[in-house]
N, C-alpha and C. Protein backbone atom coordinates (compact mmCIF):
# COMPACT_ATOMS: atom_id res chain seq x y z
N UNK A 1 15.33 22.56 -17.17
CA UNK A 1 14.92 21.25 -17.70
C UNK A 1 13.51 21.22 -18.22
N UNK A 2 13.03 20.50 -19.17
CA UNK A 2 12.08 20.34 -19.95
C UNK A 2 10.40 20.14 -18.89
N UNK A 3 9.79 20.62 -18.76
CA UNK A 3 8.47 20.58 -18.10
C UNK A 3 7.30 19.23 -18.25
N UNK A 4 6.91 18.76 -17.33
CA UNK A 4 6.29 17.58 -17.89
C UNK A 4 4.88 17.97 -18.06
N UNK A 5 4.42 17.12 -19.13
CA UNK A 5 3.33 17.48 -19.52
C UNK A 5 2.29 16.12 -19.60
N UNK A 6 0.96 16.29 -18.93
CA UNK A 6 0.22 15.27 -18.64
C UNK A 6 -0.75 14.95 -20.03
N UNK A 7 -1.09 14.36 -20.46
CA UNK A 7 -2.20 13.94 -21.58
C UNK A 7 -2.75 12.90 -22.05
N UNK A 8 -3.43 12.75 -22.89
CA UNK A 8 -3.95 11.40 -22.99
C UNK A 8 -3.70 10.89 -24.16
N UNK A 9 -2.89 9.40 -23.62
CA UNK A 9 -2.03 8.70 -24.88
C UNK A 9 -2.80 8.30 -26.05
N UNK A 10 -2.06 7.90 -26.97
CA UNK A 10 -2.31 7.65 -28.51
C UNK A 10 -2.03 6.50 -28.82
N UNK A 11 -2.74 6.18 -29.74
CA UNK A 11 -1.73 4.27 -30.34
C UNK A 11 -0.36 4.66 -30.59
N UNK A 12 -0.15 6.12 -31.04
CA UNK A 12 1.97 5.88 -31.29
C UNK A 12 2.69 5.96 -29.85
N UNK A 13 1.96 5.65 -28.86
CA UNK A 13 2.71 5.97 -27.46
C UNK A 13 2.40 4.24 -26.86
N UNK A 14 1.81 3.39 -27.59
CA UNK A 14 1.45 2.02 -27.06
C UNK A 14 2.87 1.05 -26.92
N UNK A 15 3.87 1.02 -27.42
CA UNK A 15 5.05 0.93 -27.54
C UNK A 15 6.05 0.96 -26.18
N UNK A 16 6.35 2.71 -26.09
CA UNK A 16 6.71 3.12 -24.95
C UNK A 16 5.79 2.90 -23.76
N UNK A 17 4.22 3.05 -23.67
CA UNK A 17 3.71 2.52 -22.46
C UNK A 17 3.90 1.39 -22.26
N UNK A 18 4.09 0.16 -23.33
CA UNK A 18 3.85 -1.12 -22.92
C UNK A 18 5.46 -1.26 -22.02
N UNK A 19 6.55 -0.60 -22.43
CA UNK A 19 7.46 -0.67 -22.02
C UNK A 19 7.80 -0.09 -20.17
N UNK A 20 7.20 0.85 -19.98
CA UNK A 20 6.87 1.58 -19.13
C UNK A 20 6.29 0.68 -17.84
N UNK A 21 5.32 0.38 -18.50
CA UNK A 21 4.60 -0.60 -17.69
C UNK A 21 4.84 -1.73 -16.67
N UNK A 22 5.92 -2.61 -17.76
CA UNK A 22 6.44 -3.83 -17.72
C UNK A 22 7.42 -3.15 -16.64
N UNK A 23 8.05 -2.58 -16.92
CA UNK A 23 9.79 -1.95 -15.93
C UNK A 23 8.99 -1.64 -14.47
N UNK A 24 8.31 -0.98 -14.62
CA UNK A 24 7.42 -0.50 -13.40
C UNK A 24 6.84 -1.35 -12.10
N UNK A 25 6.27 -2.62 -13.01
CA UNK A 25 5.61 -4.02 -12.19
C UNK A 25 6.52 -5.16 -11.76
N UNK A 26 7.38 -5.26 -13.39
CA UNK A 26 7.78 -6.78 -12.94
C UNK A 26 9.21 -6.60 -13.42
N UNK A 27 9.51 -8.26 -13.16
CA UNK A 27 11.54 -7.79 -13.66
C UNK A 27 12.01 -7.60 -12.41
N UNK A 28 13.37 -7.81 -12.99
CA UNK A 28 14.14 -6.93 -12.08
C UNK A 28 14.29 -5.62 -11.90
N UNK A 29 14.07 -4.94 -13.35
CA UNK A 29 14.34 -3.59 -13.53
C UNK A 29 12.95 -2.97 -12.55
N UNK A 30 11.79 -3.88 -12.01
CA UNK A 30 10.76 -2.77 -11.65
C UNK A 30 11.27 -2.77 -9.81
N UNK A 31 12.28 -3.69 -9.39
CA UNK A 31 13.26 -3.68 -7.78
C UNK A 31 13.63 -1.94 -7.40
N UNK A 32 13.53 -1.59 -8.79
CA UNK A 32 14.70 0.10 -8.59
C UNK A 32 13.60 0.86 -7.82
N UNK A 33 12.45 0.35 -7.82
CA UNK A 33 11.35 1.02 -7.56
C UNK A 33 10.65 0.94 -6.05
N UNK A 34 9.63 1.62 -5.41
CA UNK A 34 8.81 0.59 -4.34
C UNK A 34 7.69 0.34 -4.91
N UNK A 35 7.09 -0.02 -6.15
CA UNK A 35 5.59 0.03 -6.63
C UNK A 35 5.99 -1.56 -7.19
N UNK A 36 6.96 -2.22 -7.10
CA UNK A 36 7.35 -3.70 -8.01
C UNK A 36 6.51 -4.44 -7.50
N UNK A 37 5.86 -5.35 -8.45
CA UNK A 37 4.98 -6.57 -7.87
C UNK A 37 5.87 -7.73 -8.20
N UNK A 38 7.10 -7.55 -8.59
CA UNK A 38 8.00 -8.86 -8.52
C UNK A 38 8.02 -10.13 -7.75
N UNK A 39 7.51 -9.98 -6.86
CA UNK A 39 7.79 -10.49 -5.90
C UNK A 39 6.47 -11.99 -5.62
N UNK A 40 5.15 -11.13 -6.58
CA UNK A 40 3.92 -11.56 -6.41
C UNK A 40 3.66 -12.28 -7.59
N UNK A 41 4.21 -11.44 -9.01
CA UNK A 41 3.57 -12.12 -10.29
C UNK A 41 5.18 -12.17 -11.14
N UNK A 42 4.71 -12.67 -11.78
CA UNK A 42 5.66 -12.81 -13.32
C UNK A 42 5.32 -12.76 -14.62
N UNK A 43 6.41 -12.69 -15.58
CA UNK A 43 5.41 -12.72 -16.90
C UNK A 43 5.25 -11.17 -16.95
N UNK A 44 4.23 -11.02 -17.87
CA UNK A 44 3.82 -9.66 -18.61
C UNK A 44 2.73 -8.82 -17.46
N UNK A 45 2.74 -7.45 -17.52
CA UNK A 45 1.72 -6.64 -16.60
C UNK A 45 0.63 -6.56 -17.61
N UNK A 46 0.93 -6.23 -19.14
CA UNK A 46 -0.17 -5.94 -19.92
C UNK A 46 0.48 -6.17 -21.18
N UNK A 47 -0.08 -5.97 -22.29
CA UNK A 47 0.35 -6.34 -23.97
C UNK A 47 -0.12 -5.39 -24.58
N UNK A 48 0.78 -5.27 -25.60
CA UNK A 48 0.04 -3.87 -26.82
C UNK A 48 -1.37 -4.38 -27.15
N UNK A 49 -1.82 -5.17 -27.07
CA UNK A 49 -3.21 -5.44 -27.43
C UNK A 49 -4.20 -5.03 -26.48
N UNK A 50 -3.86 -4.96 -25.09
CA UNK A 50 -4.82 -4.76 -24.06
C UNK A 50 -4.78 -3.05 -24.03
N UNK A 51 -3.61 -2.64 -24.39
CA UNK A 51 -3.33 -1.14 -24.34
C UNK A 51 -4.30 -0.67 -25.81
N UNK A 52 -4.25 -1.36 -26.46
CA UNK A 52 -4.93 -0.88 -27.86
C UNK A 52 -6.18 -0.82 -27.69
N UNK A 53 -6.90 -1.89 -26.93
CA UNK A 53 -8.19 -1.89 -26.64
C UNK A 53 -9.00 -0.80 -25.47
N UNK A 54 -8.14 -0.40 -24.66
CA UNK A 54 -8.31 0.68 -23.87
C UNK A 54 -8.48 1.97 -24.43
N UNK A 55 -7.52 2.07 -25.11
CA UNK A 55 -7.36 3.47 -26.28
C UNK A 55 -8.74 3.65 -27.00
N UNK A 56 -8.85 2.38 -27.66
CA UNK A 56 -10.61 2.12 -28.43
C UNK A 56 -11.75 2.35 -27.81
N UNK A 57 -11.60 2.04 -26.64
CA UNK A 57 -13.12 2.52 -25.98
C UNK A 57 -13.21 3.88 -25.02
N UNK A 58 -14.52 4.24 -25.25
CA UNK A 58 -14.86 5.46 -24.79
C UNK A 58 -15.21 5.42 -23.74
N UNK A 59 -15.31 4.81 -22.78
CA UNK A 59 -15.13 4.57 -21.19
C UNK A 59 -14.01 4.34 -20.89
N UNK A 60 -12.59 4.25 -21.58
CA UNK A 60 -11.35 4.02 -20.90
C UNK A 60 -10.42 5.17 -21.48
N UNK A 61 -9.52 5.94 -20.77
CA UNK A 61 -8.49 6.34 -21.19
C UNK A 61 -7.18 6.19 -20.72
N UNK A 62 -5.65 6.49 -20.86
CA UNK A 62 -4.33 6.66 -20.70
C UNK A 62 -3.74 7.56 -20.38
N UNK A 63 -3.57 8.51 -19.31
CA UNK A 63 -2.76 9.34 -19.23
C UNK A 63 -1.59 9.57 -19.16
N UNK A 64 -1.04 10.29 -19.55
CA UNK A 64 0.46 9.64 -19.71
C UNK A 64 1.52 11.17 -19.37
N UNK A 65 2.63 10.91 -19.19
CA UNK A 65 3.06 12.01 -18.46
C UNK A 65 4.43 11.96 -19.35
N UNK A 66 4.61 12.95 -19.95
CA UNK A 66 6.14 13.09 -20.98
C UNK A 66 7.09 14.31 -20.54
N UNK A 67 8.37 14.20 -20.41
CA UNK A 67 9.20 15.34 -20.20
C UNK A 67 10.05 14.94 -21.76
N UNK A 68 9.74 16.25 -22.48
CA UNK A 68 10.22 15.99 -23.94
C UNK A 68 10.03 14.62 -24.92
N UNK A 69 10.95 14.21 -25.16
CA UNK A 69 10.77 12.84 -25.61
C UNK A 69 10.86 11.49 -24.99
N UNK A 70 10.48 11.76 -23.57
CA UNK A 70 10.71 10.53 -22.50
C UNK A 70 9.39 10.08 -21.70
N UNK A 71 8.76 9.23 -22.03
CA UNK A 71 7.73 8.85 -20.67
C UNK A 71 8.00 7.92 -19.72
N UNK A 72 7.42 9.05 -18.51
CA UNK A 72 7.76 8.84 -17.33
C UNK A 72 7.11 8.29 -16.45
N UNK A 73 5.34 8.54 -17.10
CA UNK A 73 4.65 7.70 -16.19
C UNK A 73 3.09 7.51 -16.76
N UNK A 74 2.20 6.84 -16.32
CA UNK A 74 0.90 6.56 -16.90
C UNK A 74 0.02 6.41 -15.78
N UNK A 75 -1.05 6.38 -16.31
CA UNK A 75 -2.62 6.14 -15.44
C UNK A 75 -3.84 5.24 -15.88
N UNK A 76 -4.37 4.58 -15.97
CA UNK A 76 -5.69 3.99 -16.97
C UNK A 76 -6.73 4.67 -16.14
N UNK A 77 -7.75 5.41 -16.77
CA UNK A 77 -8.96 5.60 -16.02
C UNK A 77 -9.92 5.04 -16.66
N UNK A 78 -11.06 4.98 -16.20
CA UNK A 78 -12.57 3.92 -16.75
C UNK A 78 -13.96 4.58 -15.79
N UNK A 79 -14.62 4.69 -16.53
CA UNK A 79 -15.77 4.77 -16.20
C UNK A 79 -16.43 3.43 -16.03
N UNK A 80 -17.03 3.83 -14.23
CA UNK A 80 -17.93 2.38 -13.75
C UNK A 80 -18.75 2.23 -13.60
N UNK A 81 -19.66 3.62 -14.11
CA UNK A 81 -21.39 3.60 -14.27
C UNK A 81 -21.41 4.45 -12.63
N UNK A 82 -22.71 4.74 -12.56
CA UNK A 82 -23.32 5.21 -11.02
C UNK A 82 -22.43 6.24 -10.27
N UNK A 83 -21.81 7.18 -11.32
CA UNK A 83 -20.94 8.48 -10.46
C UNK A 83 -19.57 7.65 -10.10
N UNK A 84 -19.14 6.76 -10.57
CA UNK A 84 -18.06 5.28 -10.37
C UNK A 84 -16.85 5.68 -10.77
N UNK A 85 -15.99 6.12 -10.91
CA UNK A 85 -14.71 6.24 -11.66
C UNK A 85 -13.58 5.17 -11.11
N UNK A 86 -13.01 4.38 -11.72
CA UNK A 86 -11.67 3.86 -11.81
C UNK A 86 -10.49 4.39 -11.90
N UNK A 87 -9.16 3.63 -11.28
CA UNK A 87 -8.16 3.79 -12.19
C UNK A 87 -7.19 2.73 -11.38
N UNK A 88 -6.55 2.62 -12.60
CA UNK A 88 -5.39 1.16 -12.49
C UNK A 88 -4.00 1.62 -13.33
N UNK A 89 -3.40 0.81 -13.34
CA UNK A 89 -2.28 0.72 -14.18
C UNK A 89 -1.35 2.05 -13.57
N UNK A 90 -1.36 2.61 -12.64
CA UNK A 90 -0.69 3.42 -12.09
C UNK A 90 0.82 3.14 -12.39
N UNK A 91 1.76 4.09 -13.12
CA UNK A 91 2.71 3.47 -13.72
C UNK A 91 4.32 4.70 -13.67
N UNK A 92 5.25 4.27 -12.85
CA UNK A 92 6.15 5.79 -12.75
C UNK A 92 7.39 4.96 -12.97
N UNK A 93 8.35 5.46 -14.06
CA UNK A 93 9.55 4.76 -14.00
C UNK A 93 10.31 4.72 -12.83
N UNK A 94 10.54 3.14 -12.72
CA UNK A 94 11.32 3.01 -11.16
C UNK A 94 12.43 3.90 -10.55
N UNK A 95 12.98 4.27 -11.63
CA UNK A 95 14.21 5.44 -10.95
C UNK A 95 13.80 6.41 -10.47
N UNK A 96 12.51 7.09 -10.86
CA UNK A 96 11.78 8.49 -10.58
C UNK A 96 10.67 8.14 -9.78
N UNK A 97 10.18 6.74 -8.79
CA UNK A 97 9.13 6.72 -7.68
C UNK A 97 10.09 7.64 -6.93
N UNK A 98 8.80 8.28 -6.10
CA UNK A 98 8.91 8.78 -4.63
C UNK A 98 9.52 10.33 -4.76
N UNK A 99 9.34 10.63 -6.54
CA UNK A 99 9.10 12.29 -6.24
C UNK A 99 8.18 13.18 -6.61
N UNK A 100 6.74 12.44 -6.42
CA UNK A 100 5.44 13.34 -6.48
C UNK A 100 4.62 12.94 -8.22
N UNK A 101 5.49 12.37 -9.08
CA UNK A 101 4.53 12.15 -10.33
C UNK A 101 3.54 11.21 -10.09
N UNK A 102 3.62 10.45 -9.00
CA UNK A 102 2.68 9.35 -9.26
C UNK A 102 1.55 10.21 -8.68
N UNK A 103 1.52 10.54 -7.76
CA UNK A 103 0.37 11.72 -6.68
C UNK A 103 0.13 12.73 -7.99
N UNK A 104 0.66 13.52 -8.85
CA UNK A 104 0.43 13.98 -9.86
C UNK A 104 -0.49 13.50 -11.04
N UNK A 105 -0.17 12.70 -11.25
CA UNK A 105 -1.33 11.53 -12.27
C UNK A 105 -2.10 11.07 -11.27
N UNK A 106 -2.39 11.00 -10.19
CA UNK A 106 -3.47 10.58 -9.62
C UNK A 106 -4.69 11.84 -9.88
N UNK A 107 -4.25 13.05 -9.43
CA UNK A 107 -4.61 14.31 -8.98
C UNK A 107 -5.42 14.44 -10.78
N UNK A 108 -4.61 13.89 -11.81
CA UNK A 108 -4.92 14.16 -13.05
C UNK A 108 -5.94 13.05 -13.56
N UNK A 109 -5.77 12.07 -13.02
CA UNK A 109 -7.20 10.90 -13.20
C UNK A 109 -8.56 11.44 -12.34
N UNK A 110 -8.25 12.05 -11.38
CA UNK A 110 -9.23 12.56 -10.49
C UNK A 110 -10.17 13.61 -11.52
N UNK A 111 -9.46 14.43 -11.78
CA UNK A 111 -10.29 15.62 -12.50
C UNK A 111 -10.52 15.15 -13.73
N UNK A 112 -9.86 14.36 -14.39
CA UNK A 112 -10.51 13.50 -15.43
C UNK A 112 -11.52 12.86 -15.52
N UNK A 113 -11.42 12.14 -14.09
CA UNK A 113 -13.18 10.81 -14.23
C UNK A 113 -13.94 11.72 -13.97
N UNK A 114 -13.90 13.19 -13.41
CA UNK A 114 -14.67 14.18 -12.41
C UNK A 114 -15.74 14.88 -14.07
N UNK A 115 -14.50 15.40 -14.96
CA UNK A 115 -14.78 16.39 -16.00
C UNK A 115 -15.87 15.30 -17.02
N UNK A 116 -14.83 14.01 -17.30
CA UNK A 116 -15.39 13.14 -18.42
C UNK A 116 -16.55 12.20 -18.37
N UNK A 117 -16.54 11.91 -17.04
CA UNK A 117 -17.68 11.02 -16.58
C UNK A 117 -18.73 10.79 -15.44
N UNK A 118 -18.30 11.99 -14.98
CA UNK A 118 -19.13 12.79 -14.13
C UNK A 118 -19.00 12.11 -12.54
N UNK A 119 -17.70 11.09 -12.42
CA UNK A 119 -17.14 10.41 -11.27
C UNK A 119 -17.55 11.31 -9.66
N UNK A 120 -18.21 10.94 -8.76
CA UNK A 120 -18.47 11.04 -7.87
C UNK A 120 -17.55 10.71 -6.97
N UNK A 121 -16.94 9.54 -7.03
CA UNK A 121 -15.93 8.31 -6.25
C UNK A 121 -15.10 7.57 -7.26
N UNK A 122 -14.29 7.46 -6.52
CA UNK A 122 -12.89 6.40 -7.32
C UNK A 122 -12.46 5.21 -6.62
N UNK A 123 -12.29 4.44 -7.35
CA UNK A 123 -12.18 3.06 -6.76
C UNK A 123 -10.77 2.46 -7.32
N UNK A 124 -10.21 2.09 -6.59
CA UNK A 124 -9.05 1.05 -6.98
C UNK A 124 -8.98 0.02 -6.53
N UNK A 125 -8.04 -1.02 -6.94
CA UNK A 125 -7.70 -2.41 -6.42
C UNK A 125 -6.42 -2.24 -6.30
N UNK A 126 -5.99 -2.96 -4.94
CA UNK A 126 -4.52 -3.23 -4.65
C UNK A 126 -4.45 -4.34 -3.93
N UNK A 127 -3.49 -5.47 -4.17
CA UNK A 127 -2.84 -6.43 -3.33
C UNK A 127 -2.90 -5.99 -1.77
N UNK A 128 -3.31 -7.18 -1.20
CA UNK A 128 -3.28 -6.82 0.48
C UNK A 128 -1.78 -6.85 0.68
N UNK A 129 -0.84 -7.54 0.49
CA UNK A 129 0.50 -7.69 0.18
C UNK A 129 1.33 -6.40 0.14
N UNK A 130 0.65 -5.50 -0.73
CA UNK A 130 1.19 -4.50 -0.54
C UNK A 130 1.17 -3.45 0.50
N UNK A 131 1.42 -3.41 1.34
CA UNK A 131 1.35 -2.60 2.57
C UNK A 131 1.96 -1.46 2.81
N UNK A 132 2.82 -1.28 2.02
CA UNK A 132 3.70 0.29 1.70
C UNK A 132 2.28 0.82 0.77
N UNK A 133 2.09 0.52 -0.28
CA UNK A 133 1.04 1.26 -1.32
C UNK A 133 -0.37 1.14 -0.24
N UNK A 134 -0.69 0.35 0.09
CA UNK A 134 -1.60 0.47 0.69
C UNK A 134 -1.95 1.74 1.56
N UNK A 135 -0.63 2.00 2.49
CA UNK A 135 -0.46 2.93 3.18
C UNK A 135 -0.53 4.58 2.92
N UNK A 136 0.17 4.46 1.22
CA UNK A 136 0.07 5.68 0.44
C UNK A 136 -1.39 6.23 0.30
N UNK A 137 -1.79 5.00 -0.43
CA UNK A 137 -3.51 5.51 -0.34
C UNK A 137 -4.11 6.13 0.67
N UNK A 138 -4.09 5.24 1.30
CA UNK A 138 -4.76 5.53 2.97
C UNK A 138 -3.88 7.44 3.54
N UNK A 139 -2.79 7.64 2.75
CA UNK A 139 -2.41 8.84 2.90
C UNK A 139 -3.08 10.15 1.99
N UNK A 140 -3.31 9.69 0.69
CA UNK A 140 -3.75 10.40 0.36
C UNK A 140 -5.44 10.50 0.24
N UNK A 141 -6.25 9.72 1.10
CA UNK A 141 -7.32 9.82 1.38
C UNK A 141 -7.85 8.68 0.83
N UNK A 142 -7.50 7.59 0.50
CA UNK A 142 -8.51 6.49 0.06
C UNK A 142 -8.61 5.50 1.45
N UNK A 143 -10.13 4.63 1.11
CA UNK A 143 -10.37 4.20 2.33
C UNK A 143 -10.53 2.52 2.26
N UNK A 144 -10.26 1.85 2.57
CA UNK A 144 -10.92 0.57 2.01
C UNK A 144 -12.54 -0.01 2.63
N UNK A 145 -12.97 -0.76 1.24
CA UNK A 145 -14.26 -0.70 1.42
C UNK A 145 -15.01 -1.85 2.15
N UNK A 146 -13.94 -2.67 2.22
CA UNK A 146 -14.11 -4.12 2.60
C UNK A 146 -14.61 -5.40 1.73
N UNK A 147 -14.30 -4.71 0.70
CA UNK A 147 -14.96 -5.53 -0.77
C UNK A 147 -13.49 -5.85 -0.93
N UNK A 148 -13.35 -7.50 -1.81
CA UNK A 148 -12.37 -8.15 -2.33
C UNK A 148 -12.59 -8.34 -3.87
N UNK A 149 -12.07 -8.61 -4.57
CA UNK A 149 -11.80 -9.06 -6.52
C UNK A 149 -11.20 -10.25 -6.31
N UNK A 150 -11.32 -11.10 -6.77
CA UNK A 150 -10.08 -12.47 -6.99
C UNK A 150 -9.59 -12.12 -8.24
N UNK A 151 -8.14 -12.80 -7.62
CA UNK A 151 -7.17 -12.49 -8.73
C UNK A 151 -7.64 -13.36 -10.06
N UNK A 152 -7.39 -13.06 -11.43
CA UNK A 152 -7.91 -13.73 -12.39
C UNK A 152 -6.86 -14.89 -12.82
N UNK A 153 -6.56 -16.24 -11.52
CA UNK A 153 -5.72 -17.34 -11.90
C UNK A 153 -6.06 -17.44 -13.25
N UNK A 154 -4.89 -18.23 -14.10
CA UNK A 154 -5.19 -18.98 -15.08
C UNK A 154 -5.22 -18.03 -16.74
N UNK A 155 -5.11 -16.53 -16.18
CA UNK A 155 -5.21 -16.04 -17.21
C UNK A 155 -4.17 -15.27 -17.45
N UNK A 156 -3.07 -15.76 -18.08
CA UNK A 156 -1.32 -15.43 -18.08
C UNK A 156 -1.56 -13.78 -18.67
N UNK A 157 -2.45 -13.27 -19.53
CA UNK A 157 -2.58 -11.56 -19.80
C UNK A 157 -2.54 -10.76 -18.68
N UNK A 158 -2.45 -11.46 -17.19
CA UNK A 158 -2.55 -10.35 -16.13
C UNK A 158 -0.97 -10.75 -15.56
N UNK A 159 -0.17 -11.65 -15.61
CA UNK A 159 0.68 -12.13 -14.95
C UNK A 159 0.71 -13.47 -14.84
N UNK A 160 1.71 -14.54 -14.59
CA UNK A 160 1.89 -15.70 -13.73
C UNK A 160 2.49 -15.76 -12.20
N UNK A 161 1.07 -15.81 -11.63
CA UNK A 161 1.44 -15.78 -9.81
C UNK A 161 2.46 -16.66 -9.45
N UNK A 162 3.34 -16.03 -8.21
CA UNK A 162 4.30 -17.21 -7.64
C UNK A 162 3.44 -17.17 -6.62
N UNK A 163 1.92 -17.13 -6.26
CA UNK A 163 1.35 -17.44 -4.89
C UNK A 163 0.06 -17.37 -5.00
N UNK A 164 -0.30 -18.32 -4.18
CA UNK A 164 -1.89 -18.81 -4.62
C UNK A 164 -2.66 -18.38 -3.81
N UNK A 165 -2.49 -16.99 -2.67
CA UNK A 165 -3.40 -16.11 -2.53
C UNK A 165 -3.32 -14.73 -2.66
N UNK A 166 -3.59 -14.72 -3.89
CA UNK A 166 -3.31 -13.52 -4.96
C UNK A 166 -5.03 -13.03 -4.68
N UNK A 167 -5.28 -11.73 -4.65
CA UNK A 167 -6.56 -10.92 -4.64
C UNK A 167 -6.26 -9.59 -4.20
N UNK A 168 -7.68 -9.13 -4.94
CA UNK A 168 -7.44 -7.79 -4.39
C UNK A 168 -8.11 -7.04 -3.49
N UNK A 169 -7.89 -5.85 -2.30
CA UNK A 169 -8.78 -4.95 -1.90
C UNK A 169 -9.21 -3.93 -2.50
N UNK A 170 -10.57 -3.83 -2.22
CA UNK A 170 -11.18 -2.39 -2.93
C UNK A 170 -11.04 -1.26 -2.28
N UNK A 171 -10.43 -0.04 -2.66
CA UNK A 171 -10.58 1.35 -1.61
C UNK A 171 -11.26 2.36 -2.54
N UNK A 172 -11.79 3.35 -2.13
CA UNK A 172 -12.38 4.27 -2.64
C UNK A 172 -12.49 5.80 -2.49
N UNK A 173 -12.34 6.53 -2.98
CA UNK A 173 -12.02 7.80 -2.67
C UNK A 173 -13.10 8.82 -3.09
N UNK A 174 -13.95 9.98 -2.49
CA UNK A 174 -14.45 11.08 -2.84
C UNK A 174 -14.20 12.04 -3.21
N UNK A 175 -14.48 11.95 -4.18
CA UNK A 175 -14.44 13.24 -5.23
C UNK A 175 -15.34 14.14 -4.72
N UNK A 176 -15.24 15.43 -4.38
CA UNK A 176 -15.95 16.47 -3.89
C UNK A 176 -16.34 17.97 -4.69
């Protein structure tokens, strides 16, 4: 079996990235995995233009995991200043979830955030309704900060809400 390679995404990866991210978060395909947001949001998770803007921004990057010619997963990393990094858009092909690739992508994100941006802590945002996902992040060493961030209602680029109580909780991990 071909080894998994994790590298920075390029513009040529955008079509595969868009399809992967959509399949991991939205629609019926996402229900094959445990990270679906299909009960919270409909519509798109991101679009090719948003992905292109991430790749063009020196304070952000997308790390991608490939096995041969197949994109298996990705994770967005960003510099938030003040020795703080951020990751989001963690996506693993729904049929491969639970096999350790998500954890491997997070480890790669931690290393990249420290090396590229001098991050000493990493923040993430999670829907409080995603209790299983929050429990997984707690097992990885993340802790709730007590902060919340409102969901961007009215901006269909982030999806079409299926409920009116969406917000994010902020969790943080200390890099040593």
